[in-house]
Amino acid sequence: MYLKEYDIKITETLEKTVTVKAESMEAAQAKVEEEYYNSEHILDSENFTGVDFSAEAEREIVQEQKEQLDVLLVKPGMYPQAVQIGGELEDLQKAVGGDIEAVYPYNEPVALIVNDEGKLNGSELNRALRDNEGQIYDIVAGDFLVVGLGEENFASLSPELMEKFEKEFHQPEMFVRMGRSIMALPLPDDKVKAADAPLKSESIPQKSSPDRDVL
């Protein structure tokens, strides 16, 4: 529904008759005016006689379009999804399911927007982060976003960065504990969830041996 903006003037009318003694009509009016400005005559709700509404102006409303960002949404057990979301804090929080933290593990102008409490609230492990030698140094828990970096705020990913990081996070992973270390294994394609489909409990095995647990 398209709306316009209007200025409407509200005029209330108060009336009170004051009786004074004077030499003429003009003198009586001047005397009452002086007394009124000296607050000797106060008009209140008992003196209300009516109200009038009149339109003063009409203006077109220009509705500002909310900026949308083209980003990559990465969920556990799913292939990455190119999505559009708002760039406000509440939009980012909604996308990852809670308070956000931005991490910058890559040389490219991108950030990972993750749930700040993903590991504490029991979120499912998602993707491993690796150093230049391919060694795992961290694991993201829960949904996360790959976003571009603007001069001051987060920005859309360029098509080139969208393609690069889709490949980077393309294959969902499952995590296996071996002693004190954790291995990240590619999730078989037949176990990958469809976009936004709930994960079946049997899709990822929960335990393989006493000292080798799937996380």
Protein backbone atom coordinates (compact mmCIF):
# COMPACT_ATOMS: atom_id res chain seq x y z
CA MET A 1 0.00 0.00 0.00
CA TYR A 2 1.47 3.34 -1.09
CA LEU A 3 1.17 6.11 1.50
CA LYS A 4 1.63 9.88 1.45
CA GLU A 5 2.42 12.26 4.29
CA TYR A 6 0.00 15.00 5.34
CA ASP A 7 0.04 17.91 7.80
CA ILE A 8 -3.31 18.29 9.56
CA LYS A 9 -3.95 21.34 11.75
CA ILE A 10 -6.10 20.80 14.85
CA THR A 11 -7.84 23.96 16.07
CA GLU A 12 -9.68 23.91 19.39
CA THR A 13 -12.07 26.74 20.25
CA LEU A 14 -12.46 28.04 23.81
CA GLU A 15 -14.92 30.81 24.61
CA LYS A 16 -15.62 32.77 27.78
CA THR A 17 -17.70 35.89 28.29
CA VAL A 18 -16.33 38.44 30.76
CA THR A 19 -18.40 41.39 32.08
CA VAL A 20 -16.55 44.61 32.87
CA LYS A 21 -17.44 48.22 33.49
CA ALA A 22 -15.90 50.77 31.14
CA GLU A 23 -16.59 54.11 29.43
CA SER A 24 -16.89 52.56 25.97
CA MET A 25 -16.86 49.27 24.04
CA GLU A 26 -13.25 49.92 22.96
CA ALA A 27 -12.17 50.62 26.53
CA ALA A 28 -13.94 47.48 27.78
CA GLN A 29 -12.20 45.34 25.16
CA ALA A 30 -8.81 46.86 25.96
CA LYS A 31 -9.38 46.26 29.68
CA VAL A 32 -10.26 42.58 29.15
CA GLU A 33 -7.28 42.05 26.84
CA GLU A 34 -4.96 43.50 29.48
CA GLU A 35 -6.50 41.33 32.19
CA TYR A 36 -6.21 38.25 29.95
CA TYR A 37 -2.49 38.76 29.32
CA ASN A 38 -2.04 39.26 33.07
CA SER A 39 -3.61 35.78 33.53
CA GLU A 40 -6.69 37.16 35.26
CA HIS A 41 -8.94 35.24 32.87
CA ILE A 42 -8.09 31.53 32.35
CA LEU A 43 -9.90 29.44 29.72
CA ASP A 44 -10.10 25.73 30.48
CA SER A 45 -12.03 22.66 29.40
CA GLU A 46 -15.26 24.14 30.71
CA ASN A 47 -14.95 26.83 28.03
CA PHE A 48 -14.47 24.36 25.15
CA THR A 49 -16.92 24.94 22.30
CA GLY A 50 -15.55 22.88 19.41
CA VAL A 51 -12.66 21.55 17.34
CA ASP A 52 -11.77 21.84 13.67
CA PHE A 53 -9.41 19.77 11.52
CA SER A 54 -7.91 21.20 8.33
CA ALA A 55 -5.35 19.77 5.90
CA GLU A 56 -2.31 22.02 5.56
CA ALA A 57 0.09 20.15 3.25
CA GLU A 58 0.61 16.94 1.31
CA ARG A 59 3.98 15.31 0.62
CA GLU A 60 5.13 12.20 -1.19
CA ILE A 61 6.93 9.71 1.06
CA VAL A 62 10.23 8.46 -0.27
CA GLN A 63 10.80 5.07 1.30
CA GLU A 64 14.45 4.20 1.68
CA GLN A 65 15.27 0.76 0.36
CA LYS A 66 17.00 -1.47 2.89
CA GLU A 67 20.42 -2.48 1.63
CA GLN A 68 20.70 -6.14 0.73
CA LEU A 69 23.99 -8.03 0.76
CA ASP A 70 24.87 -10.93 -1.52
CA VAL A 71 26.64 -13.37 0.81
CA LEU A 72 27.33 -17.05 1.28
CA LEU A 73 25.42 -18.97 3.95
CA VAL A 74 27.16 -22.12 5.18
CA LYS A 75 25.20 -24.60 7.29
CA PRO A 76 26.32 -27.91 8.81
CA GLY A 77 25.69 -30.83 6.51
CA MET A 78 24.74 -28.65 3.53
CA TYR A 79 26.40 -27.21 0.48
CA PRO A 80 26.91 -23.42 0.73
CA GLN A 81 23.99 -21.24 -0.40
CA ALA A 82 24.24 -17.83 -2.08
CA VAL A 83 21.65 -15.67 -0.28
CA GLN A 84 20.59 -12.05 0.07
CA ILE A 85 20.25 -10.63 3.58
CA GLY A 86 20.01 -7.20 5.16
CA GLY A 87 23.21 -5.61 6.39
CA GLU A 88 21.89 -4.53 9.80
CA LEU A 89 23.08 -6.16 13.01
CA GLU A 90 19.74 -7.86 13.64
CA ASP A 91 19.82 -9.37 10.12
CA LEU A 92 23.25 -10.90 10.72
CA GLN A 93 22.24 -12.15 14.17
CA LYS A 94 19.15 -13.80 12.75
CA ALA A 95 21.19 -15.52 10.04
CA VAL A 96 23.57 -17.19 12.52
CA GLY A 97 21.09 -17.64 15.36
CA GLY A 98 22.55 -15.36 18.02
CA ASP A 99 25.19 -12.79 18.89
CA ILE A 100 27.78 -12.47 16.17
CA GLU A 101 31.54 -12.50 15.98
CA ALA A 102 33.49 -11.54 12.86
CA VAL A 103 36.72 -13.42 12.08
CA TYR A 104 39.16 -12.65 9.31
CA PRO A 105 41.15 -15.80 8.48
CA TYR A 106 41.84 -15.00 4.81
CA ASN A 107 43.94 -12.51 2.86
CA GLU A 108 40.94 -11.69 0.66
CA PRO A 109 38.59 -8.87 1.76
CA VAL A 110 36.09 -11.21 3.41
CA ALA A 111 34.92 -11.98 6.93
CA LEU A 112 33.23 -14.98 8.48
CA ILE A 113 30.24 -14.00 10.59
CA VAL A 114 29.79 -16.72 13.19
CA ASN A 115 27.65 -17.28 16.26
CA ASP A 116 29.74 -15.99 19.17
CA GLU A 117 28.47 -18.81 21.42
CA GLY A 118 28.18 -21.56 18.83
CA LYS A 119 30.62 -23.87 20.62
CA LEU A 120 29.14 -23.13 24.04
CA ASN A 121 25.49 -23.69 23.16
CA GLY A 122 26.01 -27.09 21.57
CA SER A 123 25.64 -26.04 17.92
CA GLU A 124 26.60 -28.69 15.39
CA LEU A 125 30.18 -28.53 14.13
CA ASN A 126 30.21 -27.12 10.63
CA ARG A 127 33.50 -26.50 8.81
CA ALA A 128 37.16 -26.65 9.76
CA LEU A 129 39.50 -23.68 9.33
CA ARG A 130 42.99 -24.62 8.18
CA ASP A 131 46.36 -22.89 8.07
CA ASN A 132 48.59 -22.63 5.02
CA GLU A 133 49.85 -26.16 5.64
CA GLY A 134 46.37 -27.61 5.73
CA GLN A 135 46.36 -28.18 9.48
CA ILE A 136 43.12 -27.56 11.38
CA TYR A 137 43.42 -24.69 13.86
CA ASP A 138 39.73 -24.09 14.55
CA ILE A 139 36.26 -25.42 13.77
CA VAL A 140 33.19 -23.26 13.22
CA ALA A 141 30.10 -24.46 15.07
CA GLY A 142 26.64 -23.60 13.77
CA ASP A 143 25.58 -21.60 10.73
CA PHE A 144 27.94 -18.90 9.47
CA LEU A 145 28.14 -16.31 6.71
CA VAL A 146 30.93 -15.37 4.33
CA VAL A 147 30.59 -11.64 3.65
CA GLY A 148 32.60 -9.04 1.79
CA LEU A 149 34.33 -6.07 3.40
CA GLY A 150 33.52 -2.48 2.43
CA GLU A 151 35.29 0.67 3.53
CA GLU A 152 33.40 0.80 6.84
CA ASN A 153 30.83 -2.00 6.86
CA PHE A 154 30.25 -5.51 5.63
CA ALA A 155 29.49 -5.69 1.92
CA SER A 156 28.35 -8.05 -0.80
CA LEU A 157 30.73 -10.67 -2.08
CA SER A 158 31.96 -10.10 -5.59
CA PRO A 159 31.10 -12.89 -8.05
CA GLU A 160 34.74 -13.99 -7.96
CA LEU A 161 34.82 -14.21 -4.15
CA MET A 162 31.43 -15.91 -4.10
CA GLU A 163 32.78 -18.60 -6.42
CA LYS A 164 36.08 -18.95 -4.54
CA PHE A 165 34.52 -19.45 -1.12
CA GLU A 166 31.76 -21.66 -2.41
CA LYS A 167 34.57 -23.96 -3.50
CA GLU A 168 36.42 -23.44 -0.20
CA PHE A 169 33.43 -24.61 1.85
CA HIS A 170 31.65 -26.66 -0.79
CA GLN A 171 31.87 -30.09 0.78
CA PRO A 172 30.21 -30.46 4.19
CA GLU A 173 32.41 -32.12 6.78
CA MET A 174 32.00 -34.56 9.63
CA PHE A 175 34.43 -34.56 12.53
CA VAL A 176 36.07 -37.59 14.08
CA ARG A 177 37.89 -37.53 17.40
CA MET A 178 41.01 -39.69 17.44
CA GLY A 179 42.56 -39.56 20.88
CA ARG A 180 43.24 -35.88 21.59
CA SER A 181 43.06 -34.77 17.98
CA ILE A 182 40.13 -34.17 15.66
CA MET A 183 39.96 -35.14 12.00
CA ALA A 184 37.67 -33.47 9.47
CA LEU A 185 36.33 -35.87 6.84
CA PRO A 186 34.27 -34.98 3.75
CA LEU A 187 30.64 -35.84 4.27
CA PRO A 188 29.54 -38.31 1.56
CA ASP A 189 27.31 -36.71 -1.04
CA ASP A 190 24.45 -39.06 -0.23
CA LYS A 191 24.49 -37.75 3.35
CA VAL A 192 24.39 -34.07 2.41
CA LYS A 193 21.13 -32.38 3.37
CA ALA A 194 19.00 -30.53 0.87
CA ALA A 195 18.97 -26.77 1.42
CA ASP A 196 17.20 -25.95 4.69
CA ALA A 197 16.04 -29.55 5.17
CA PRO A 198 16.27 -30.94 8.72
CA LEU A 199 19.12 -33.32 9.36
CA LYS A 200 18.05 -36.92 9.90
CA SER A 201 19.50 -38.38 13.05
CA GLU A 202 20.89 -41.35 11.12
CA SER A 203 22.61 -39.23 8.45
CA ILE A 204 25.88 -38.94 10.37
CA PRO A 205 27.08 -41.87 12.50
CA GLN A 206 27.54 -40.88 16.13
CA LYS A 207 30.32 -43.29 17.15
CA SER A 208 32.66 -45.63 15.33
CA SER A 209 34.85 -47.04 18.09
CA PRO A 210 35.72 -46.34 21.76
CA ASP A 211 38.66 -44.11 20.83
CA ARG A 212 37.32 -42.81 17.51
CA ASP A 213 34.17 -40.72 17.93
CA VAL A 214 32.31 -38.81 15.29
CA LEU A 215 31.55 -35.33 16.70
